[in-house]
Amino acid sequence: TAVQLLAIRGLSLLLGPTDLVDGTPVFDIKPYVPAYDAFPGEASGWIAEVDALHSGPPRWEIAISPLAKTQAEWLAGSFQIELLPRIIEILRRDPSPHRTRRIKRHPSGQWMLGCGAWRAIFTTGDQTVQITAIEPGYPARSLINPAHTSIPDQAAQLEFLRHWPEHS
């Protein structure tokens, strides 16, 4: 059901008229996309900003440290997990923190990009992004906890930590 978003108040959304029964849970919220939705006169909100970012040429050069390259090659060869193409695609457009990207400070002081169940650690300078390492997205204590059975890439993350324990 397409509805108008009237306001955001903390963790609550105030919606315009809709066909939901009061108290019905909302499980999935998507932006309005004019190219696919049937209301061509409506605005697309933040998705227009993302489209504009991706329509121009990449603005950042990407360098990959030997460690990050080795880790990415190991993940691809051992578990068919191809992280670098997506990481590079995101970081070459804009490596700064933003509400549509999962980028924040890493405890080391570098930057960290969340990419699925994995993290890319990187630094920036003069239009260059240096990817320094890859890390599992889950701490070792969660990965070995028998109660946690639905962690994405759990076996790969555990094996990764056996190879690179300093990234736990």
Protein backbone atom coordinates (compact mmCIF):
# COMPACT_ATOMS: atom_id res chain seq x y z
CA THR A 1 0.00 0.00 0.00
CA ALA A 2 1.43 3.37 -0.94
CA VAL A 3 0.90 5.96 1.77
CA GLN A 4 2.12 9.47 2.42
CA LEU A 5 4.75 9.86 5.15
CA LEU A 6 3.59 12.85 7.19
CA ALA A 7 6.23 12.89 9.93
CA ILE A 8 8.91 10.93 11.74
CA ARG A 9 8.78 11.16 15.54
CA GLY A 10 11.61 9.22 17.13
CA LEU A 11 11.04 5.61 16.10
CA SER A 12 7.45 6.22 15.00
CA LEU A 13 6.17 7.07 11.53
CA LEU A 14 3.03 9.17 11.12
CA LEU A 15 1.27 8.01 7.94
CA GLY A 16 -1.44 9.61 5.85
CA PRO A 17 -4.68 7.79 5.00
CA THR A 18 -4.19 4.06 4.50
CA ASP A 19 -6.18 0.84 4.33
CA LEU A 20 -4.47 -0.72 7.38
CA VAL A 21 -6.50 -1.74 10.42
CA ASP A 22 -5.36 0.17 13.52
CA GLY A 23 -2.56 -1.79 15.20
CA THR A 24 -1.49 -3.68 12.07
CA PRO A 25 2.30 -4.17 12.14
CA VAL A 26 4.29 -2.66 9.27
CA PHE A 27 7.12 -4.99 8.26
CA ASP A 28 8.63 -3.36 5.20
CA ILE A 29 9.03 0.30 4.33
CA LYS A 30 10.28 1.36 0.91
CA PRO A 31 10.74 4.76 -0.70
CA TYR A 32 8.47 5.86 -3.50
CA VAL A 33 10.21 5.16 -6.83
CA PRO A 34 8.54 7.00 -9.74
CA ALA A 35 10.02 4.68 -12.37
CA TYR A 36 8.24 1.68 -10.82
CA ASP A 37 5.31 3.06 -8.84
CA ALA A 38 2.09 4.34 -10.36
CA PHE A 39 2.10 7.94 -9.06
CA PRO A 40 4.28 9.81 -11.58
CA GLY A 41 3.63 13.25 -10.08
CA GLU A 42 4.99 12.34 -6.64
CA ALA A 43 8.47 12.99 -5.24
CA SER A 44 10.94 10.20 -4.56
CA GLY A 45 12.55 11.61 -1.42
CA TRP A 46 16.09 10.47 -0.64
CA ILE A 47 16.27 7.99 -3.52
CA ALA A 48 16.76 10.90 -5.96
CA GLU A 49 19.89 11.84 -4.00
CA VAL A 50 21.24 8.28 -4.30
CA ASP A 51 20.47 8.19 -8.04
CA ALA A 52 22.32 11.49 -8.54
CA LEU A 53 25.34 10.17 -6.66
CA HIS A 54 25.52 7.06 -8.87
CA SER A 55 24.91 8.85 -12.17
CA GLY A 56 28.20 10.76 -12.15
CA PRO A 57 31.73 9.45 -12.55
CA PRO A 58 33.45 7.91 -9.51
CA ARG A 59 35.11 10.59 -7.42
CA TRP A 60 37.60 8.58 -5.35
CA GLU A 61 40.55 6.40 -6.31
CA ILE A 62 40.73 3.06 -4.49
CA ALA A 63 43.93 1.43 -3.20
CA ILE A 64 43.90 -1.99 -1.57
CA SER A 65 46.53 -3.00 0.97
CA PRO A 66 48.28 -6.37 0.57
CA LEU A 67 46.49 -7.63 3.70
CA ALA A 68 43.02 -6.64 2.45
CA LYS A 69 43.77 -8.14 -0.96
CA THR A 70 44.90 -11.42 0.61
CA GLN A 71 41.83 -11.53 2.87
CA ALA A 72 39.44 -10.80 -0.02
CA GLU A 73 41.08 -13.42 -2.24
CA TRP A 74 40.91 -15.99 0.58
CA LEU A 75 37.17 -15.30 1.13
CA ALA A 76 36.46 -15.57 -2.59
CA GLY A 77 38.51 -18.74 -3.03
CA SER A 78 37.45 -20.52 0.17
CA PHE A 79 33.81 -19.45 0.52
CA GLN A 80 32.85 -17.78 -2.80
CA ILE A 81 32.29 -14.51 -0.91
CA GLU A 82 33.10 -11.68 -3.34
CA LEU A 83 33.32 -8.52 -1.22
CA LEU A 84 35.71 -6.21 -3.07
CA PRO A 85 33.49 -5.28 -6.04
CA ARG A 86 30.70 -3.99 -3.77
CA ILE A 87 33.10 -2.33 -1.32
CA ILE A 88 34.88 -0.55 -4.17
CA GLU A 89 31.59 0.50 -5.77
CA ILE A 90 30.42 2.16 -2.55
CA LEU A 91 33.70 3.76 -1.50
CA ARG A 92 34.66 5.17 -4.90
CA ARG A 93 31.43 7.18 -4.96
CA ASP A 94 31.71 8.64 -1.45
CA PRO A 95 33.45 7.19 1.62
CA SER A 96 31.92 9.62 4.10
CA PRO A 97 29.37 8.63 6.74
CA HIS A 98 25.79 9.18 5.56
CA ARG A 99 22.33 7.89 6.42
CA THR A 100 22.23 5.65 3.32
CA ARG A 101 25.67 4.06 3.85
CA ARG A 102 26.88 1.90 6.74
CA ILE A 103 30.08 3.87 7.38
CA LYS A 104 31.32 4.82 10.83
CA ARG A 105 34.51 5.14 12.87
CA HIS A 106 36.36 1.92 13.61
CA PRO A 107 37.82 1.49 17.13
CA SER A 108 41.29 1.85 15.53
CA GLY A 109 40.43 5.40 14.43
CA GLN A 110 40.13 4.38 10.78
CA TRP A 111 36.79 4.17 8.99
CA MET A 112 34.64 1.06 8.67
CA LEU A 113 32.10 0.15 5.98
CA GLY A 114 29.51 -2.52 6.77
CA CYS A 115 29.07 -4.80 3.77
CA GLY A 116 26.65 -7.59 4.61
CA ALA A 117 28.15 -9.73 7.37
CA TRP A 118 31.60 -8.19 6.82
CA ARG A 119 33.43 -4.92 7.48
CA ALA A 120 35.94 -3.12 5.28
CA ILE A 121 38.42 -1.02 7.25
CA PHE A 122 39.78 2.00 5.37
CA THR A 123 41.44 5.41 5.49
CA THR A 124 40.97 8.43 3.25
CA GLY A 125 43.14 11.24 1.96
CA ASP A 126 43.31 13.49 -1.13
CA GLN A 127 40.54 11.71 -3.10
CA THR A 128 42.06 8.30 -2.33
CA VAL A 129 40.57 5.53 -0.22
CA GLN A 130 42.98 2.92 1.15
CA ILE A 131 41.23 -0.33 2.10
CA THR A 132 43.49 -1.66 4.86
CA ALA A 133 41.70 -4.82 6.06
CA ILE A 134 38.54 -6.88 6.06
CA GLU A 135 36.92 -8.08 9.28
CA PRO A 136 33.98 -10.25 10.27
CA GLY A 137 30.92 -8.24 11.21
CA TYR A 138 30.19 -10.36 14.27
CA PRO A 139 32.34 -10.75 17.38
CA ALA A 140 33.86 -14.18 18.07
CA ARG A 141 31.66 -14.63 21.18
CA SER A 142 28.54 -14.41 18.98
CA LEU A 143 29.96 -16.68 16.29
CA ILE A 144 30.71 -19.50 18.76
CA ASN A 145 27.50 -19.13 20.78
CA PRO A 146 25.31 -22.20 20.02
CA ALA A 147 22.18 -20.09 20.51
CA HIS A 148 23.14 -17.95 17.49
CA THR A 149 22.23 -20.20 14.58
CA SER A 150 21.29 -17.70 11.87
CA ILE A 151 24.39 -15.51 11.57
CA PRO A 152 25.18 -14.89 7.88
CA ASP A 153 28.48 -16.42 6.72
CA GLN A 154 29.01 -17.83 10.22
CA ALA A 155 31.35 -20.66 9.15
CA ALA A 156 33.35 -18.28 6.94
CA GLN A 157 33.69 -15.75 9.76
CA LEU A 158 34.90 -18.39 12.20
CA GLU A 159 37.46 -19.72 9.74
CA PHE A 160 38.53 -16.15 8.91
CA LEU A 161 39.26 -15.54 12.61
CA ARG A 162 41.41 -18.68 12.70
CA HIS A 163 43.53 -17.16 9.91
CA TRP A 164 43.48 -13.57 11.20
CA PRO A 165 42.76 -13.71 14.98
CA GLU A 166 43.80 -10.06 15.39
CA HIS A 167 40.53 -9.11 13.62
CA SER A 168 38.21 -10.53 16.28
